[in-house]
Amino acid sequence: MAANRELIQKGVVRLSLTIIPIFTGPIIIHSSFKNQDKPLFYPVLILGITVCVLGVFFAFKGLQLIVNGLFNDSDKK
C-alpha cells in the first residue's frame, strides 16, 4: 500500500491556504456586527458568512485529498 505523494502534497497545500479564509471570515463578521447601524451591514455580513463557508469547504476538500492520497490504491486501475 503506497501513498500517493502528489495528492497528499496537494491536500496539504490546500489546507494551508484554507487558514486564510477560516480566520478572516469571523473577523469580517465581527466587524459587521460592530457596525450594525451602517448601511453596508448586510452586504458585509453576507461576505463574512460566504468567506467562512468557503473556508470550511476548502478544508473539507483538502482533507479529502489527503485521505484519498493515503488510502486509495492507484495500482488497481
N, C-alpha and C. Protein backbone atom coordinates (compact mmCIF):
# COMPACT_ATOMS: atom_id res chain seq x y z
N MET A 1 0.85 -1.17 0.00
CA MET A 1 0.00 0.00 0.00
C MET A 1 0.90 1.24 0.00
N ALA A 2 1.05 1.83 -1.14
CA ALA A 2 1.89 3.02 -1.27
C ALA A 2 1.02 4.27 -1.28
N ALA A 3 1.51 5.30 -0.63
CA ALA A 3 0.77 6.56 -0.58
C ALA A 3 1.07 7.38 -1.83
N ASN A 4 0.07 8.06 -2.33
CA ASN A 4 0.23 8.92 -3.49
C ASN A 4 0.71 10.29 -3.00
N ARG A 5 1.99 10.54 -3.13
CA ARG A 5 2.59 11.75 -2.57
C ARG A 5 2.05 13.03 -3.20
N GLU A 6 1.72 13.00 -4.49
CA GLU A 6 1.22 14.19 -5.16
C GLU A 6 -0.12 14.63 -4.58
N LEU A 7 -1.00 13.67 -4.34
CA LEU A 7 -2.30 14.00 -3.76
C LEU A 7 -2.16 14.51 -2.33
N ILE A 8 -1.27 13.91 -1.58
CA ILE A 8 -1.06 14.34 -0.20
C ILE A 8 -0.50 15.76 -0.17
N GLN A 9 0.48 16.04 -1.03
CA GLN A 9 1.05 17.39 -1.07
C GLN A 9 0.02 18.42 -1.51
N LYS A 10 -0.80 18.06 -2.48
CA LYS A 10 -1.85 18.96 -2.95
C LYS A 10 -2.86 19.24 -1.83
N GLY A 11 -3.19 18.21 -1.05
CA GLY A 11 -4.11 18.38 0.06
C GLY A 11 -3.53 19.25 1.17
N VAL A 12 -2.25 19.08 1.45
CA VAL A 12 -1.61 19.90 2.49
C VAL A 12 -1.54 21.35 2.06
N VAL A 13 -1.25 21.59 0.79
CA VAL A 13 -1.22 22.96 0.28
C VAL A 13 -2.60 23.59 0.37
N ARG A 14 -3.62 22.84 0.00
CA ARG A 14 -4.99 23.36 0.08
C ARG A 14 -5.39 23.64 1.52
N LEU A 15 -4.98 22.78 2.45
CA LEU A 15 -5.29 23.03 3.86
C LEU A 15 -4.54 24.25 4.39
N SER A 16 -3.31 24.44 3.94
CA SER A 16 -2.57 25.60 4.41
C SER A 16 -3.16 26.90 3.85
N LEU A 17 -3.70 26.86 2.65
CA LEU A 17 -4.35 28.04 2.08
C LEU A 17 -5.73 28.27 2.70
N THR A 18 -6.31 27.25 3.31
CA THR A 18 -7.61 27.36 3.95
C THR A 18 -7.54 28.19 5.23
N ILE A 19 -6.36 28.29 5.81
CA ILE A 19 -6.21 29.04 7.07
C ILE A 19 -6.62 30.50 6.88
N ILE A 20 -6.35 31.06 5.71
CA ILE A 20 -6.67 32.47 5.46
C ILE A 20 -8.16 32.75 5.57
N PRO A 21 -9.05 32.05 4.83
CA PRO A 21 -10.47 32.36 4.98
C PRO A 21 -11.07 31.94 6.31
N ILE A 22 -10.48 30.93 6.95
CA ILE A 22 -11.03 30.49 8.23
C ILE A 22 -10.84 31.57 9.29
N PHE A 23 -9.75 32.34 9.20
CA PHE A 23 -9.53 33.40 10.17
C PHE A 23 -10.11 34.74 9.74
N THR A 24 -10.13 35.03 8.44
CA THR A 24 -10.65 36.32 8.00
C THR A 24 -12.17 36.38 8.01
N GLY A 25 -12.84 35.25 7.81
CA GLY A 25 -14.30 35.23 7.83
C GLY A 25 -14.89 35.72 9.14
N PRO A 26 -14.48 35.16 10.28
CA PRO A 26 -15.01 35.66 11.56
C PRO A 26 -14.63 37.12 11.85
N ILE A 27 -13.47 37.55 11.36
CA ILE A 27 -13.10 38.95 11.54
C ILE A 27 -14.06 39.86 10.78
N ILE A 28 -14.42 39.47 9.57
CA ILE A 28 -15.37 40.25 8.77
C ILE A 28 -16.74 40.25 9.43
N ILE A 29 -17.17 39.10 9.92
CA ILE A 29 -18.47 39.01 10.60
C ILE A 29 -18.48 39.88 11.85
N HIS A 30 -17.41 39.84 12.61
CA HIS A 30 -17.33 40.64 13.83
C HIS A 30 -17.38 42.14 13.50
N SER A 31 -16.67 42.54 12.46
CA SER A 31 -16.69 43.97 12.10
C SER A 31 -18.07 44.39 11.59
N SER A 32 -18.78 43.49 10.95
CA SER A 32 -20.13 43.85 10.50
C SER A 32 -21.08 44.01 11.69
N PHE A 33 -20.94 43.15 12.70
CA PHE A 33 -21.80 43.28 13.88
C PHE A 33 -21.45 44.51 14.72
N LYS A 34 -20.21 44.96 14.64
CA LYS A 34 -19.85 46.19 15.35
C LYS A 34 -20.45 47.43 14.68
N ASN A 35 -20.80 47.32 13.40
CA ASN A 35 -21.33 48.44 12.64
C ASN A 35 -22.75 48.15 12.15
N GLN A 36 -23.63 47.76 13.04
CA GLN A 36 -24.99 47.40 12.65
C GLN A 36 -25.80 48.59 12.18
N ASP A 37 -25.44 49.77 12.58
CA ASP A 37 -26.22 50.95 12.19
C ASP A 37 -25.80 51.51 10.84
N LYS A 38 -24.79 50.95 10.22
CA LYS A 38 -24.30 51.42 8.92
C LYS A 38 -25.09 50.77 7.79
N PRO A 39 -25.14 51.41 6.62
CA PRO A 39 -25.93 50.85 5.51
C PRO A 39 -25.30 49.59 4.88
N LEU A 40 -24.01 49.36 5.07
CA LEU A 40 -23.37 48.19 4.48
C LEU A 40 -23.32 46.99 5.43
N PHE A 41 -24.16 46.99 6.45
CA PHE A 41 -24.15 45.91 7.43
C PHE A 41 -24.46 44.57 6.78
N TYR A 42 -25.53 44.47 6.01
CA TYR A 42 -25.92 43.20 5.42
C TYR A 42 -24.96 42.70 4.35
N PRO A 43 -24.49 43.55 3.44
CA PRO A 43 -23.50 43.04 2.46
C PRO A 43 -22.21 42.54 3.11
N VAL A 44 -21.73 43.23 4.13
CA VAL A 44 -20.50 42.80 4.80
C VAL A 44 -20.75 41.51 5.58
N LEU A 45 -21.92 41.38 6.19
CA LEU A 45 -22.27 40.15 6.90
C LEU A 45 -22.34 38.97 5.94
N ILE A 46 -22.97 39.18 4.79
CA ILE A 46 -23.07 38.12 3.79
C ILE A 46 -21.68 37.75 3.27
N LEU A 47 -20.83 38.74 3.07
CA LEU A 47 -19.45 38.46 2.64
C LEU A 47 -18.71 37.63 3.69
N GLY A 48 -18.85 37.97 4.96
CA GLY A 48 -18.18 37.21 6.02
C GLY A 48 -18.67 35.78 6.11
N ILE A 49 -19.98 35.59 5.99
CA ILE A 49 -20.54 34.24 6.03
C ILE A 49 -20.07 33.43 4.83
N THR A 50 -20.01 34.06 3.67
CA THR A 50 -19.54 33.38 2.46
C THR A 50 -18.08 32.96 2.60
N VAL A 51 -17.26 33.83 3.15
CA VAL A 51 -15.85 33.50 3.34
C VAL A 51 -15.70 32.34 4.31
N CYS A 52 -16.50 32.32 5.38
CA CYS A 52 -16.45 31.21 6.34
C CYS A 52 -16.87 29.89 5.69
N VAL A 53 -17.93 29.92 4.91
CA VAL A 53 -18.41 28.71 4.25
C VAL A 53 -17.37 28.20 3.25
N LEU A 54 -16.76 29.11 2.51
CA LEU A 54 -15.72 28.70 1.56
C LEU A 54 -14.51 28.11 2.29
N GLY A 55 -14.16 28.67 3.44
CA GLY A 55 -13.06 28.11 4.22
C GLY A 55 -13.33 26.69 4.66
N VAL A 56 -14.53 26.44 5.14
CA VAL A 56 -14.90 25.09 5.57
C VAL A 56 -14.93 24.14 4.37
N PHE A 57 -15.44 24.61 3.24
CA PHE A 57 -15.50 23.77 2.04
C PHE A 57 -14.10 23.39 1.57
N PHE A 58 -13.18 24.37 1.51
CA PHE A 58 -11.83 24.08 1.05
C PHE A 58 -11.08 23.20 2.05
N ALA A 59 -11.37 23.34 3.34
CA ALA A 59 -10.76 22.45 4.33
C ALA A 59 -11.24 21.02 4.13
N PHE A 60 -12.52 20.85 3.85
CA PHE A 60 -13.06 19.52 3.59
C PHE A 60 -12.42 18.92 2.35
N LYS A 61 -12.29 19.71 1.30
CA LYS A 61 -11.69 19.19 0.07
C LYS A 61 -10.21 18.85 0.27
N GLY A 62 -9.50 19.64 1.06
CA GLY A 62 -8.10 19.33 1.35
C GLY A 62 -7.95 18.04 2.14
N LEU A 63 -8.80 17.86 3.15
CA LEU A 63 -8.76 16.60 3.91
C LEU A 63 -9.14 15.41 3.04
N GLN A 64 -10.07 15.63 2.13
CA GLN A 64 -10.48 14.56 1.23
C GLN A 64 -9.32 14.16 0.31
N LEU A 65 -8.55 15.13 -0.17
CA LEU A 65 -7.39 14.81 -1.00
C LEU A 65 -6.34 14.04 -0.20
N ILE A 66 -6.12 14.43 1.04
CA ILE A 66 -5.13 13.73 1.86
C ILE A 66 -5.56 12.29 2.11
N VAL A 67 -6.83 12.09 2.43
CA VAL A 67 -7.32 10.74 2.69
C VAL A 67 -7.26 9.90 1.41
N ASN A 68 -7.61 10.49 0.28
CA ASN A 68 -7.51 9.75 -0.99
C ASN A 68 -6.07 9.41 -1.31
N GLY A 69 -5.15 10.30 -1.01
CA GLY A 69 -3.75 10.01 -1.25
C GLY A 69 -3.21 8.93 -0.34
N LEU A 70 -3.74 8.84 0.88
CA LEU A 70 -3.26 7.82 1.81
C LEU A 70 -3.87 6.44 1.57
N PHE A 71 -5.15 6.39 1.29
CA PHE A 71 -5.85 5.10 1.29
C PHE A 71 -6.24 4.56 -0.06
N ASN A 72 -6.34 5.37 -1.10
CA ASN A 72 -6.70 4.84 -2.42
C ASN A 72 -5.47 4.24 -3.06
N ASP A 73 -5.66 3.06 -3.60
CA ASP A 73 -4.56 2.35 -4.25
C ASP A 73 -4.60 2.67 -5.74
N SER A 74 -3.59 3.35 -6.24
CA SER A 74 -3.57 3.75 -7.65
C SER A 74 -3.18 2.59 -8.56
N ASP A 75 -2.73 1.46 -8.02
CA ASP A 75 -2.34 0.32 -8.83
C ASP A 75 -3.53 -0.53 -9.28
N LYS A 76 -4.70 -0.31 -8.70
CA LYS A 76 -5.88 -1.10 -9.04
C LYS A 76 -6.46 -0.73 -10.39
N LYS A 77 -6.12 0.43 -10.93
CA LYS A 77 -6.73 0.90 -12.19
C LYS A 77 -6.35 0.07 -13.33
